[in-house]
Full PDB file with SEQRES, HELIX, SHEET, SSBOND, CRYST1, ORIGX, SCALE, CONECT and MASTER records, all heavy atoms in Angstrom:
SEQRES   1 A   39  ALA GLY ASP VAL ASP THR LEU LEU LEU ASP LYS THR GLY          
SEQRES   2 A   39  THR ILE THR LEU GLY ASN ARG GLN ALA THR GLY PHE HIS          
SEQRES   3 A   39  PRO VAL GLU GLY ILE SER ALA GLU ALA LEU ALA ASP ALA          
HELIX    1 AA1 ALA A   33  ASP A   38  1                                   6    
CRYST1    1.000    1.000    1.000  90.00  90.00  90.00 P 1           1          
ORIGX1      1.000000  0.000000  0.000000        0.00000                         
ORIGX2      0.000000  1.000000  0.000000        0.00000                         
ORIGX3      0.000000  0.000000  1.000000        0.00000                         
SCALE1      1.000000  0.000000  0.000000        0.00000                         
SCALE2      0.000000  1.000000  0.000000        0.00000                         
SCALE3      0.000000  0.000000  1.000000        0.00000                         
ATOM      1  N   ALA A   1     -12.084  44.175  -7.589  1.00  0.00           N  
ATOM      2  CA  ALA A   1     -11.542  44.480  -8.915  1.00  0.00           C  
ATOM      3  C   ALA A   1     -10.164  45.132  -8.807  1.00  0.00           C  
ATOM      4  O   ALA A   1      -9.290  44.904  -9.638  1.00  0.00           O  
ATOM      5  CB  ALA A   1     -12.496  45.373  -9.687  1.00  0.00           C  
ATOM      6  N   GLY A   2      -9.979  45.940  -7.779  1.00  0.00           N  
ATOM      7  CA  GLY A   2      -8.697  46.600  -7.588  1.00  0.00           C  
ATOM      8  C   GLY A   2      -7.594  45.670  -7.108  1.00  0.00           C  
ATOM      9  O   GLY A   2      -6.419  45.989  -7.213  1.00  0.00           O  
ATOM     10  N   ASP A   3      -7.980  44.515  -6.574  1.00  0.00           N  
ATOM     11  CA  ASP A   3      -7.005  43.549  -6.046  1.00  0.00           C  
ATOM     12  C   ASP A   3      -6.853  42.323  -6.933  1.00  0.00           C  
ATOM     13  O   ASP A   3      -6.207  41.344  -6.543  1.00  0.00           O  
ATOM     14  CB  ASP A   3      -7.430  43.084  -4.643  1.00  0.00           C  
ATOM     15  CG  ASP A   3      -7.116  44.131  -3.574  1.00  0.00           C  
ATOM     16  OD1 ASP A   3      -6.128  44.864  -3.753  1.00  0.00           O  
ATOM     17  OD2 ASP A   3      -7.840  44.203  -2.579  1.00  0.00           O  
ATOM     18  N   VAL A   4      -7.447  42.355  -8.136  1.00  0.00           N  
ATOM     19  CA  VAL A   4      -7.437  41.185  -9.009  1.00  0.00           C  
ATOM     20  C   VAL A   4      -6.000  40.785  -9.382  1.00  0.00           C  
ATOM     21  O   VAL A   4      -5.163  41.638  -9.679  1.00  0.00           O  
ATOM     22  CB  VAL A   4      -8.263  41.472 -10.279  1.00  0.00           C  
ATOM     23  CG1 VAL A   4      -7.892  40.533 -11.406  1.00  0.00           C  
ATOM     24  CG2 VAL A   4      -9.737  41.351  -9.981  1.00  0.00           C  
ATOM     25  N   ASP A   5      -5.746  39.474  -9.341  1.00  0.00           N  
ATOM     26  CA  ASP A   5      -4.447  38.933  -9.736  1.00  0.00           C  
ATOM     27  C   ASP A   5      -4.501  38.244 -11.095  1.00  0.00           C  
ATOM     28  O   ASP A   5      -3.513  38.222 -11.818  1.00  0.00           O  
ATOM     29  CB  ASP A   5      -3.967  37.900  -8.702  1.00  0.00           C  
ATOM     30  CG  ASP A   5      -3.863  38.473  -7.307  1.00  0.00           C  
ATOM     31  OD1 ASP A   5      -2.977  39.322  -7.094  1.00  0.00           O  
ATOM     32  OD2 ASP A   5      -4.666  38.088  -6.436  1.00  0.00           O  
ATOM     33  N   THR A   6      -5.668  37.655 -11.417  1.00  0.00           N  
ATOM     34  CA  THR A   6      -5.808  36.896 -12.655  1.00  0.00           C  
ATOM     35  C   THR A   6      -7.047  37.357 -13.404  1.00  0.00           C  
ATOM     36  O   THR A   6      -8.120  37.493 -12.811  1.00  0.00           O  
ATOM     37  CB  THR A   6      -5.939  35.384 -12.369  1.00  0.00           C  
ATOM     38  OG1 THR A   6      -4.799  34.957 -11.608  1.00  0.00           O  
ATOM     39  CG2 THR A   6      -5.993  34.593 -13.665  1.00  0.00           C  
ATOM     40  N   LEU A   7      -6.874  37.609 -14.687  1.00  0.00           N  
ATOM     41  CA  LEU A   7      -7.963  38.113 -15.524  1.00  0.00           C  
ATOM     42  C   LEU A   7      -8.249  37.085 -16.606  1.00  0.00           C  
ATOM     43  O   LEU A   7      -7.384  36.747 -17.416  1.00  0.00           O  
ATOM     44  CB  LEU A   7      -7.524  39.442 -16.156  1.00  0.00           C  
ATOM     45  CG  LEU A   7      -8.587  40.434 -16.596  1.00  0.00           C  
ATOM     46  CD1 LEU A   7      -9.496  40.816 -15.455  1.00  0.00           C  
ATOM     47  CD2 LEU A   7      -7.931  41.682 -17.169  1.00  0.00           C  
ATOM     48  N   LEU A   8      -9.487  36.535 -16.602  1.00  0.00           N  
ATOM     49  CA  LEU A   8      -9.895  35.580 -17.633  1.00  0.00           C  
ATOM     50  C   LEU A   8     -10.683  36.321 -18.707  1.00  0.00           C  
ATOM     51  O   LEU A   8     -11.657  37.002 -18.395  1.00  0.00           O  
ATOM     52  CB  LEU A   8     -10.763  34.467 -17.031  1.00  0.00           C  
ATOM     53  CG  LEU A   8     -10.187  33.686 -15.848  1.00  0.00           C  
ATOM     54  CD1 LEU A   8     -11.103  32.540 -15.487  1.00  0.00           C  
ATOM     55  CD2 LEU A   8      -8.793  33.171 -16.146  1.00  0.00           C  
ATOM     56  N   LEU A   9     -10.263  36.170 -19.959  1.00  0.00           N  
ATOM     57  CA  LEU A   9     -10.884  36.910 -21.044  1.00  0.00           C  
ATOM     58  C   LEU A   9     -11.254  35.964 -22.182  1.00  0.00           C  
ATOM     59  O   LEU A   9     -10.417  35.176 -22.644  1.00  0.00           O  
ATOM     60  CB  LEU A   9      -9.925  37.983 -21.586  1.00  0.00           C  
ATOM     61  CG  LEU A   9      -9.500  39.065 -20.587  1.00  0.00           C  
ATOM     62  CD1 LEU A   9      -8.106  39.537 -20.907  1.00  0.00           C  
ATOM     63  CD2 LEU A   9     -10.463  40.215 -20.619  1.00  0.00           C  
ATOM     64  N   ASP A  10     -12.518  36.047 -22.624  1.00  0.00           N  
ATOM     65  CA  ASP A  10     -12.912  35.289 -23.809  1.00  0.00           C  
ATOM     66  C   ASP A  10     -12.166  35.846 -25.022  1.00  0.00           C  
ATOM     67  O   ASP A  10     -11.993  37.058 -25.149  1.00  0.00           O  
ATOM     68  CB  ASP A  10     -14.420  35.414 -24.044  1.00  0.00           C  
ATOM     69  CG  ASP A  10     -15.185  34.388 -23.240  1.00  0.00           C  
ATOM     70  OD1 ASP A  10     -14.648  33.299 -23.012  1.00  0.00           O  
ATOM     71  OD2 ASP A  10     -16.322  34.685 -22.836  1.00  0.00           O  
ATOM     72  N   LYS A  11     -11.771  34.929 -25.910  1.00  0.00           N  
ATOM     73  CA  LYS A  11     -11.064  35.375 -27.110  1.00  0.00           C  
ATOM     74  C   LYS A  11     -11.979  36.177 -28.021  1.00  0.00           C  
ATOM     75  O   LYS A  11     -11.686  37.317 -28.367  1.00  0.00           O  
ATOM     76  CB  LYS A  11     -10.519  34.159 -27.869  1.00  0.00           C  
ATOM     77  CG  LYS A  11      -9.743  34.512 -29.137  1.00  0.00           C  
ATOM     78  CD  LYS A  11      -9.713  33.367 -30.120  1.00  0.00           C  
ATOM     79  CE  LYS A  11     -11.056  33.173 -30.793  1.00  0.00           C  
ATOM     80  NZ  LYS A  11     -11.046  32.156 -31.854  1.00  0.00           N  
ATOM     81  N   THR A  12     -13.102  35.594 -28.380  1.00  0.00           N  
ATOM     82  CA  THR A  12     -13.985  36.195 -29.373  1.00  0.00           C  
ATOM     83  C   THR A  12     -14.684  37.424 -28.815  1.00  0.00           C  
ATOM     84  O   THR A  12     -15.357  37.345 -27.789  1.00  0.00           O  
ATOM     85  CB  THR A  12     -15.031  35.182 -29.851  1.00  0.00           C  
ATOM     86  OG1 THR A  12     -14.354  34.025 -30.333  1.00  0.00           O  
ATOM     87  CG2 THR A  12     -15.875  35.768 -30.960  1.00  0.00           C  
ATOM     88  N   GLY A  13     -14.518  38.546 -29.481  1.00  0.00           N  
ATOM     89  CA  GLY A  13     -15.169  39.781 -29.072  1.00  0.00           C  
ATOM     90  C   GLY A  13     -14.404  40.565 -28.026  1.00  0.00           C  
ATOM     91  O   GLY A  13     -14.697  41.742 -27.798  1.00  0.00           O  
ATOM     92  N   THR A  14     -13.433  39.920 -27.386  1.00  0.00           N  
ATOM     93  CA  THR A  14     -12.646  40.617 -26.368  1.00  0.00           C  
ATOM     94  C   THR A  14     -11.232  40.856 -26.864  1.00  0.00           C  
ATOM     95  O   THR A  14     -10.757  41.981 -26.926  1.00  0.00           O  
ATOM     96  CB  THR A  14     -12.612  39.780 -25.065  1.00  0.00           C  
ATOM     97  OG1 THR A  14     -13.933  39.502 -24.646  1.00  0.00           O  
ATOM     98  CG2 THR A  14     -11.885  40.535 -23.970  1.00  0.00           C  
ATOM     99  N   ILE A  15     -10.570  39.772 -27.245  1.00  0.00           N  
ATOM    100  CA  ILE A  15      -9.207  39.881 -27.754  1.00  0.00           C  
ATOM    101  C   ILE A  15      -9.216  40.026 -29.271  1.00  0.00           C  
ATOM    102  O   ILE A  15      -8.435  40.779 -29.840  1.00  0.00           O  
ATOM    103  CB  ILE A  15      -8.392  38.648 -27.315  1.00  0.00           C  
ATOM    104  CG1 ILE A  15      -8.235  38.665 -25.790  1.00  0.00           C  
ATOM    105  CG2 ILE A  15      -7.034  38.609 -28.002  1.00  0.00           C  
ATOM    106  CD1 ILE A  15      -7.619  37.423 -25.215  1.00  0.00           C  
ATOM    107  N   THR A  16     -10.139  39.312 -29.911  1.00  0.00           N  
ATOM    108  CA  THR A  16     -10.295  39.443 -31.372  1.00  0.00           C  
ATOM    109  C   THR A  16     -11.571  40.221 -31.685  1.00  0.00           C  
ATOM    110  O   THR A  16     -12.402  40.439 -30.805  1.00  0.00           O  
ATOM    111  CB  THR A  16     -10.357  38.057 -32.045  1.00  0.00           C  
ATOM    112  OG1 THR A  16     -11.532  37.368 -31.583  1.00  0.00           O  
ATOM    113  CG2 THR A  16      -9.124  37.240 -31.706  1.00  0.00           C  
ATOM    114  N   LEU A  17     -11.713  40.614 -32.932  1.00  0.00           N  
ATOM    115  CA  LEU A  17     -12.867  41.426 -33.325  1.00  0.00           C  
ATOM    116  C   LEU A  17     -14.175  40.667 -33.242  1.00  0.00           C  
ATOM    117  O   LEU A  17     -15.238  41.263 -33.208  1.00  0.00           O  
ATOM    118  CB  LEU A  17     -12.683  41.966 -34.754  1.00  0.00           C  
ATOM    119  CG  LEU A  17     -11.549  42.978 -34.930  1.00  0.00           C  
ATOM    120  CD1 LEU A  17     -11.407  43.372 -36.389  1.00  0.00           C  
ATOM    121  CD2 LEU A  17     -11.787  44.214 -34.066  1.00  0.00           C  
ATOM    122  N   GLY A  18     -14.103  39.344 -33.212  1.00  0.00           N  
ATOM    123  CA  GLY A  18     -15.324  38.577 -32.980  1.00  0.00           C  
ATOM    124  C   GLY A  18     -15.817  37.819 -34.190  1.00  0.00           C  
ATOM    125  O   GLY A  18     -16.412  36.747 -34.061  1.00  0.00           O  
ATOM    126  N   ASN A  19     -15.575  38.304 -35.371  1.00  0.00           N  
ATOM    127  CA  ASN A  19     -16.048  37.626 -36.578  1.00  0.00           C  
ATOM    128  C   ASN A  19     -14.846  37.151 -37.393  1.00  0.00           C  
ATOM    129  O   ASN A  19     -14.076  37.971 -37.914  1.00  0.00           O  
ATOM    130  CB  ASN A  19     -16.910  38.560 -37.435  1.00  0.00           C  
ATOM    131  CG  ASN A  19     -18.189  38.950 -36.729  1.00  0.00           C  
ATOM    132  OD1 ASN A  19     -18.719  38.187 -35.932  1.00  0.00           O  
ATOM    133  ND2 ASN A  19     -18.679  40.137 -37.023  1.00  0.00           N  
ATOM    134  N   ARG A  20     -14.666  35.853 -37.496  1.00  0.00           N  
ATOM    135  CA  ARG A  20     -13.581  35.326 -38.322  1.00  0.00           C  
ATOM    136  C   ARG A  20     -13.893  35.590 -39.790  1.00  0.00           C  
ATOM    137  O   ARG A  20     -15.041  35.485 -40.226  1.00  0.00           O  
ATOM    138  CB  ARG A  20     -13.419  33.828 -38.073  1.00  0.00           C  
ATOM    139  CG  ARG A  20     -12.929  33.497 -36.673  1.00  0.00           C  
ATOM    140  CD  ARG A  20     -12.867  32.005 -36.445  1.00  0.00           C  
ATOM    141  NE  ARG A  20     -14.188  31.399 -36.570  1.00  0.00           N  
ATOM    142  CZ  ARG A  20     -14.427  30.101 -36.400  1.00  0.00           C  
ATOM    143  NH1 ARG A  20     -13.433  29.296 -36.116  1.00  0.00           N  
ATOM    144  NH2 ARG A  20     -15.649  29.628 -36.525  1.00  0.00           N  
ATOM    145  N   GLN A  21     -12.863  35.917 -40.526  1.00  0.00           N  
ATOM    146  CA  GLN A  21     -13.025  36.256 -41.934  1.00  0.00           C  
ATOM    147  C   GLN A  21     -12.227  35.274 -42.800  1.00  0.00           C  
ATOM    148  O   GLN A  21     -11.099  34.894 -42.453  1.00  0.00           O  
ATOM    149  CB  GLN A  21     -12.532  37.679 -42.212  1.00  0.00           C  
ATOM    150  CG  GLN A  21     -13.262  38.753 -41.422  1.00  0.00           C  
ATOM    151  CD  GLN A  21     -14.708  38.895 -41.866  1.00  0.00           C  
ATOM    152  OE1 GLN A  21     -14.992  39.050 -43.048  1.00  0.00           O  
ATOM    153  NE2 GLN A  21     -15.611  38.845 -40.893  1.00  0.00           N  
ATOM    154  N   ALA A  22     -12.818  34.857 -43.924  1.00  0.00           N  
ATOM    155  CA  ALA A  22     -12.104  34.012 -44.865  1.00  0.00           C  
ATOM    156  C   ALA A  22     -10.995  34.824 -45.516  1.00  0.00           C  
ATOM    157  O   ALA A  22     -11.210  35.928 -46.007  1.00  0.00           O  
ATOM    158  CB  ALA A  22     -13.066  33.479 -45.926  1.00  0.00           C  
ATOM    159  N   THR A  23      -9.771  34.259 -45.499  1.00  0.00           N  
ATOM    160  CA  THR A  23      -8.627  34.985 -46.060  1.00  0.00           C  
ATOM    161  C   THR A  23      -7.922  34.235 -47.182  1.00  0.00           C  
ATOM    162  O   THR A  23      -7.042  34.794 -47.833  1.00  0.00           O  
ATOM    163  CB  THR A  23      -7.602  35.296 -44.948  1.00  0.00           C  
ATOM    164  OG1 THR A  23      -7.190  34.063 -44.328  1.00  0.00           O  
ATOM    165  CG2 THR A  23      -8.190  36.212 -43.887  1.00  0.00           C  
ATOM    166  N   GLY A  24      -8.271  32.961 -47.378  1.00  0.00           N  
ATOM    167  CA  GLY A  24      -7.597  32.234 -48.452  1.00  0.00           C  
ATOM    168  C   GLY A  24      -8.196  30.866 -48.717  1.00  0.00           C  
ATOM    169  O   GLY A  24      -8.862  30.284 -47.853  1.00  0.00           O  
ATOM    170  N   PHE A  25      -7.963  30.372 -49.969  1.00  0.00           N  
ATOM    171  CA  PHE A  25      -8.375  29.023 -50.359  1.00  0.00           C  
ATOM    172  C   PHE A  25      -7.110  28.210 -50.647  1.00  0.00           C  
ATOM    173  O   PHE A  25      -6.245  28.662 -51.411  1.00  0.00           O  
ATOM    174  CB  PHE A  25      -9.268  29.064 -51.610  1.00  0.00           C  
ATOM    175  CG  PHE A  25     -10.566  29.806 -51.408  1.00  0.00           C  
ATOM    176  CD1 PHE A  25     -10.756  31.070 -51.957  1.00  0.00           C  
ATOM    177  CD2 PHE A  25     -11.594  29.251 -50.658  1.00  0.00           C  
ATOM    178  CE1 PHE A  25     -11.942  31.764 -51.777  1.00  0.00           C  
ATOM    179  CE2 PHE A  25     -12.793  29.939 -50.474  1.00  0.00           C  
ATOM    180  CZ  PHE A  25     -12.964  31.193 -51.029  1.00  0.00           C  
ATOM    181  N   HIS A  26      -6.994  27.024 -50.037  1.00  0.00           N  
ATOM    182  CA  HIS A  26      -5.803  26.197 -50.183  1.00  0.00           C  
ATOM    183  C   HIS A  26      -6.211  24.832 -50.752  1.00  0.00           C  
ATOM    184  O   HIS A  26      -6.593  23.928 -50.005  1.00  0.00           O  
ATOM    185  CB  HIS A  26      -5.107  26.019 -48.828  1.00  0.00           C  
ATOM    186  CG  HIS A  26      -4.742  27.308 -48.173  1.00  0.00           C  
ATOM    187  ND1 HIS A  26      -3.539  27.932 -48.383  1.00  0.00           N  
ATOM    188  CD2 HIS A  26      -5.437  28.103 -47.301  1.00  0.00           C  
ATOM    189  CE1 HIS A  26      -3.492  29.056 -47.679  1.00  0.00           C  
ATOM    190  NE2 HIS A  26      -4.636  29.177 -47.010  1.00  0.00           N  
ATOM    191  N   PRO A  27      -6.146  24.673 -52.058  1.00  0.00           N  
ATOM    192  CA  PRO A  27      -6.592  23.400 -52.674  1.00  0.00           C  
ATOM    193  C   PRO A  27      -5.550  22.293 -52.495  1.00  0.00           C  
ATOM    194  O   PRO A  27      -4.359  22.555 -52.325  1.00  0.00           O  
ATOM    195  CB  PRO A  27      -6.759  23.773 -54.145  1.00  0.00           C  
ATOM    196  CG  PRO A  27      -5.766  24.879 -54.356  1.00  0.00           C  
ATOM    197  CD  PRO A  27      -5.722  25.660 -53.074  1.00  0.00           C  
ATOM    198  N   VAL A  28      -6.016  21.055 -52.552  1.00  0.00           N  
ATOM    199  CA  VAL A  28      -5.093  19.918 -52.554  1.00  0.00           C  
ATOM    200  C   VAL A  28      -4.589  19.721 -53.978  1.00  0.00           C  
ATOM    201  O   VAL A  28      -5.098  20.317 -54.949  1.00  0.00           O  
ATOM    202  CB  VAL A  28      -5.797  18.638 -52.033  1.00  0.00           C  
ATOM    203  CG1 VAL A  28      -6.250  18.813 -50.604  1.00  0.00           C  
ATOM    204  CG2 VAL A  28      -6.970  18.253 -52.924  1.00  0.00           C  
ATOM    205  N   GLU A  29      -3.580  18.875 -54.138  1.00  0.00           N  
ATOM    206  CA  GLU A  29      -2.987  18.642 -55.449  1.00  0.00           C  
ATOM    207  C   GLU A  29      -4.040  18.054 -56.412  1.00  0.00           C  
ATOM    208  O   GLU A  29      -4.820  17.174 -56.052  1.00  0.00           O  
ATOM    209  CB  GLU A  29      -1.819  17.663 -55.329  1.00  0.00           C  
ATOM    210  CG  GLU A  29      -1.049  17.496 -56.621  1.00  0.00           C  
ATOM    211  CD  GLU A  29       0.173  16.615 -56.445  1.00  0.00           C  
ATOM    212  OE1 GLU A  29       0.477  16.241 -55.287  1.00  0.00           O  
ATOM    213  OE2 GLU A  29       0.807  16.288 -57.458  1.00  0.00           O  
ATOM    214  N   GLY A  30      -4.091  18.638 -57.574  1.00  0.00           N  
ATOM    215  CA  GLY A  30      -5.026  18.169 -58.583  1.00  0.00           C  
ATOM    216  C   GLY A  30      -6.314  18.962 -58.633  1.00  0.00           C  
ATOM    217  O   GLY A  30      -7.148  18.741 -59.520  1.00  0.00           O  
ATOM    218  N   ILE A  31      -6.491  19.883 -57.700  1.00  0.00           N  
ATOM    219  CA  ILE A  31      -7.695  20.729 -57.650  1.00  0.00           C  
ATOM    220  C   ILE A  31      -7.255  22.187 -57.794  1.00  0.00           C  
ATOM    221  O   ILE A  31      -6.319  22.646 -57.125  1.00  0.00           O  
ATOM    222  CB  ILE A  31      -8.465  20.551 -56.324  1.00  0.00           C  
ATOM    223  CG1 ILE A  31      -8.897  19.108 -56.135  1.00  0.00           C  
ATOM    224  CG2 ILE A  31      -9.669  21.491 -56.264  1.00  0.00           C  
ATOM    225  CD1 ILE A  31      -9.897  18.598 -57.154  1.00  0.00           C  
ATOM    226  N   SER A  32      -7.933  22.931 -58.655  1.00  0.00           N  
ATOM    227  CA  SER A  32      -7.594  24.352 -58.819  1.00  0.00           C  
ATOM    228  C   SER A  32      -8.198  25.169 -57.681  1.00  0.00           C  
ATOM    229  O   SER A  32      -9.213  24.791 -57.089  1.00  0.00           O  
ATOM    230  CB  SER A  32      -8.105  24.867 -60.162  1.00  0.00           C  
ATOM    231  OG  SER A  32      -9.532  24.928 -60.158  1.00  0.00           O  
ATOM    232  N   ALA A  33      -7.547  26.290 -57.406  1.00  0.00           N  
ATOM    233  CA  ALA A  33      -8.049  27.178 -56.360  1.00  0.00           C  
ATOM    234  C   ALA A  33      -9.434  27.698 -56.718  1.00  0.00           C  
ATOM    235  O   ALA A  33     -10.301  27.872 -55.845  1.00  0.00           O  
ATOM    236  CB  ALA A  33      -7.095  28.351 -56.145  1.00  0.00           C  
ATOM    237  N   GLU A  34      -9.686  27.911 -58.020  1.00  0.00           N  
ATOM    238  CA  GLU A  34     -10.999  28.414 -58.439  1.00  0.00           C  
ATOM    239  C   GLU A  34     -12.086  27.371 -58.208  1.00  0.00           C  
ATOM    240  O   GLU A  34     -13.193  27.702 -57.791  1.00  0.00           O  
ATOM    241  CB  GLU A  34     -10.960  28.817 -59.907  1.00  0.00           C  
ATOM    242  CG  GLU A  34     -12.249  29.466 -60.379  1.00  0.00           C  
ATOM    243  CD  GLU A  34     -12.144  30.023 -61.789  1.00  0.00           C  
ATOM    244  OE1 GLU A  34     -11.027  30.012 -62.355  1.00  0.00           O  
ATOM    245  OE2 GLU A  34     -13.170  30.479 -62.320  1.00  0.00           O  
ATOM    246  N   ALA A  35     -11.758  26.089 -58.445  1.00  0.00           N  
ATOM    247  CA  ALA A  35     -12.741  25.017 -58.213  1.00  0.00           C  
ATOM    248  C   ALA A  35     -13.070  24.910 -56.730  1.00  0.00           C  
ATOM    249  O   ALA A  35     -14.228  24.699 -56.351  1.00  0.00           O  
ATOM    250  CB  ALA A  35     -12.214  23.689 -58.747  1.00  0.00           C  
ATOM    251  N   LEU A  36     -12.039  25.032 -55.901  1.00  0.00           N  
ATOM    252  CA  LEU A  36     -12.269  25.012 -54.444  1.00  0.00           C  
ATOM    253  C   LEU A  36     -13.135  26.193 -54.030  1.00  0.00           C  
ATOM    254  O   LEU A  36     -14.095  26.035 -53.255  1.00  0.00           O  
ATOM    255  CB  LEU A  36     -10.937  25.046 -53.709  1.00  0.00           C  
ATOM    256  CG  LEU A  36     -11.002  25.244 -52.191  1.00  0.00           C  
ATOM    257  CD1 LEU A  36     -11.776  24.117 -51.518  1.00  0.00           C  
ATOM    258  CD2 LEU A  36      -9.582  25.341 -51.594  1.00  0.00           C  
ATOM    259  N   ALA A  37     -12.828  27.396 -54.545  1.00  0.00           N  
ATOM    260  CA  ALA A  37     -13.590  28.592 -54.200  1.00  0.00           C  
ATOM    261  C   ALA A  37     -15.034  28.465 -54.650  1.00  0.00           C  
ATOM    262  O   ALA A  37     -15.977  28.887 -53.952  1.00  0.00           O  
ATOM    263  CB  ALA A  37     -12.949  29.831 -54.807  1.00  0.00           C  
ATOM    264  N   ASP A  38     -15.245  27.877 -55.858  1.00  0.00           N  
ATOM    265  CA  ASP A  38     -16.592  27.699 -56.376  1.00  0.00           C  
ATOM    266  C   ASP A  38     -17.414  26.788 -55.467  1.00  0.00           C  
ATOM    267  O   ASP A  38     -18.564  27.097 -55.124  1.00  0.00           O  
ATOM    268  CB  ASP A  38     -16.525  27.112 -57.794  1.00  0.00           C  
ATOM    269  CG  ASP A  38     -17.923  26.919 -58.391  1.00  0.00           C  
ATOM    270  OD1 ASP A  38     -18.582  27.935 -58.688  1.00  0.00           O  
ATOM    271  OD2 ASP A  38     -18.345  25.754 -58.525  1.00  0.00           O  
ATOM    272  N   ALA A  39     -16.842  25.678 -55.032  1.00  0.00           N  
ATOM    273  CA  ALA A  39     -17.547  24.745 -54.144  1.00  0.00           C  
ATOM    274  C   ALA A  39     -17.809  25.376 -52.780  1.00  0.00           C  
ATOM    275  O   ALA A  39     -18.896  25.238 -52.203  1.00  0.00           O  
ATOM    276  CB  ALA A  39     -16.743  23.457 -53.998  1.00  0.00           C  
TER     277      ALA A  39                                                      
MASTER        0    0    0    1    0    0    0    6  276    1    0    3          
END                                                                             
């Protein structure tokens, strides 16, 4: 461990908090954001 040159780290739970969170709704043209959120 003291001589390690390369460190492999899983992203989830190590680099990030582990739980992805919904941050936004992006509707296509002709669909409201509320309709997308409802579905």
